[in-house]
Every structure is written in structure tokens, then in C-alpha cells.
Amino acid sequence: MNMAKRLEALETAHAQQGGDSIRCYIRETDDETEAQARERLGLTDWPGLLLLLSESDARA
């Protein structure tokens, strides 16, 4: 399954659960943690689902 179809499936499942929208970003480095990414992106208080992709995954 390619990345676009995976994201679509996650968005659908998340919406069915009544969740907030999903946001997807590319990690600055592969070692970046979710907490570091949320801080870098200004999303520390955002309760929704955050997908963090490596550069290689984003190109797949």
C-alpha cells in the first residue's frame, strides 16, 4: 500500500472516531522526537493526530 493510501485510511478511521483533523509533516531529522517536532511546528497544545514522516517515506 502506498503512502497516500495509508494516509487516506488513517484519515478515514480517525474521522469515524470523531477526532480532529490529521496533520502530516516531514521530520527535520530521523532522530527528531514527536515532542521536538510539535515544538518546532508550534503544535504543542494541538490535541489532534500528528503524523511524522521521514524524508524517504514522504518520497515513497
C-alpha atoms as a PDB file:
ATOM      1  CA  MET A   1       0.000   0.000   0.000  1.00  0.00           C
ATOM      2  CA  ASN A   2       1.499   3.342  -0.926  1.00  0.00           C
ATOM      3  CA  MET A   3       1.820   6.285   1.449  1.00  0.00           C
ATOM      4  CA  ALA A   4      -1.161   8.235   0.026  1.00  0.00           C
ATOM      5  CA  LYS A   5      -3.485   5.270   0.552  1.00  0.00           C
ATOM      6  CA  ARG A   6      -2.152   4.745   4.082  1.00  0.00           C
ATOM      7  CA  LEU A   7      -2.810   8.370   4.948  1.00  0.00           C
ATOM      8  CA  GLU A   8      -6.289   8.220   3.445  1.00  0.00           C
ATOM      9  CA  ALA A   9      -7.098   5.124   5.516  1.00  0.00           C
ATOM     10  CA  LEU A  10      -5.829   6.806   8.694  1.00  0.00           C
ATOM     11  CA  GLU A  11      -7.835   9.970   7.973  1.00  0.00           C
ATOM     12  CA  THR A  12     -10.998   7.935   7.398  1.00  0.00           C
ATOM     13  CA  ALA A  13     -10.573   5.894  10.569  1.00  0.00           C
ATOM     14  CA  HIS A  14      -9.781   8.982  12.615  1.00  0.00           C
ATOM     15  CA  ALA A  15     -12.789  10.908  11.247  1.00  0.00           C
ATOM     16  CA  GLN A  16     -15.093   7.992  12.068  1.00  0.00           C
ATOM     17  CA  GLN A  17     -13.954   8.244  15.681  1.00  0.00           C
ATOM     18  CA  GLY A  18     -14.920  11.921  15.724  1.00  0.00           C
ATOM     19  CA  GLY A  19     -11.358  13.150  16.034  1.00  0.00           C
ATOM     20  CA  ASP A  20      -9.772  16.369  14.933  1.00  0.00           C
ATOM     21  CA  SER A  21      -8.135  16.552  11.569  1.00  0.00           C
ATOM     22  CA  ILE A  22      -4.854  14.801  10.940  1.00  0.00           C
ATOM     23  CA  ARG A  23      -1.734  16.827  10.240  1.00  0.00           C
ATOM     24  CA  CYS A  24       1.204  15.334   8.440  1.00  0.00           C
ATOM     25  CA  TYR A  25       4.736  16.728   8.424  1.00  0.00           C
ATOM     26  CA  ILE A  26       8.181  15.589   7.389  1.00  0.00           C
ATOM     27  CA  ARG A  27      10.645  15.115  10.238  1.00  0.00           C
ATOM     28  CA  GLU A  28      13.516  17.574  10.260  1.00  0.00           C
ATOM     29  CA  THR A  29      15.845  14.644  11.015  1.00  0.00           C
ATOM     30  CA  ASP A  30      15.190  10.945  11.576  1.00  0.00           C
ATOM     31  CA  ASP A  31      16.188  11.435  15.240  1.00  0.00           C
ATOM     32  CA  GLU A  32      13.576  14.143  15.872  1.00  0.00           C
ATOM     33  CA  THR A  33      11.052  13.064  18.507  1.00  0.00           C
ATOM     34  CA  GLU A  34       7.338  13.823  18.367  1.00  0.00           C
ATOM     35  CA  ALA A  35       7.740  16.322  21.233  1.00  0.00           C
ATOM     36  CA  GLN A  36      10.545  18.127  19.389  1.00  0.00           C
ATOM     37  CA  ALA A  37       8.532  18.203  16.168  1.00  0.00           C
ATOM     38  CA  ARG A  38       5.416  19.535  17.928  1.00  0.00           C
ATOM     39  CA  GLU A  39       7.507  22.307  19.499  1.00  0.00           C
ATOM     40  CA  ARG A  40       9.224  23.163  16.190  1.00  0.00           C
ATOM     41  CA  LEU A  41       5.868  23.284  14.392  1.00  0.00           C
ATOM     42  CA  GLY A  42       4.064  25.204  17.149  1.00  0.00           C
ATOM     43  CA  LEU A  43       1.672  22.308  17.800  1.00  0.00           C
ATOM     44  CA  THR A  44       2.421  21.574  21.458  1.00  0.00           C
ATOM     45  CA  ASP A  45      -1.193  22.242  22.531  1.00  0.00           C
ATOM     46  CA  TRP A  46      -2.854  20.726  19.457  1.00  0.00           C
ATOM     47  CA  PRO A  47      -4.694  17.531  20.529  1.00  0.00           C
ATOM     48  CA  GLY A  48      -5.160  16.043  17.079  1.00  0.00           C
ATOM     49  CA  LEU A  49      -3.249  13.253  15.416  1.00  0.00           C
ATOM     50  CA  LEU A  50       0.168  14.238  14.095  1.00  0.00           C
ATOM     51  CA  LEU A  51       1.916  12.025  11.548  1.00  0.00           C
ATOM     52  CA  LEU A  52       5.652  12.484  11.245  1.00  0.00           C
ATOM     53  CA  LEU A  53       7.311  11.056   8.157  1.00  0.00           C
ATOM     54  CA  SER A  54      10.943  10.623   7.303  1.00  0.00           C
ATOM     55  CA  GLU A  55      12.085  12.162   4.021  1.00  0.00           C
ATOM     56  CA  SER A  56      12.433   8.724   2.432  1.00  0.00           C
ATOM     57  CA  ASP A  57       8.863   7.752   3.463  1.00  0.00           C
ATOM     58  CA  ALA A  58       7.497  11.016   2.111  1.00  0.00           C
ATOM     59  CA  ARG A  59       9.014  10.291  -1.289  1.00  0.00           C
ATOM     60  CA  ALA A  60       7.622   6.733  -1.434  1.00  0.00           C
END
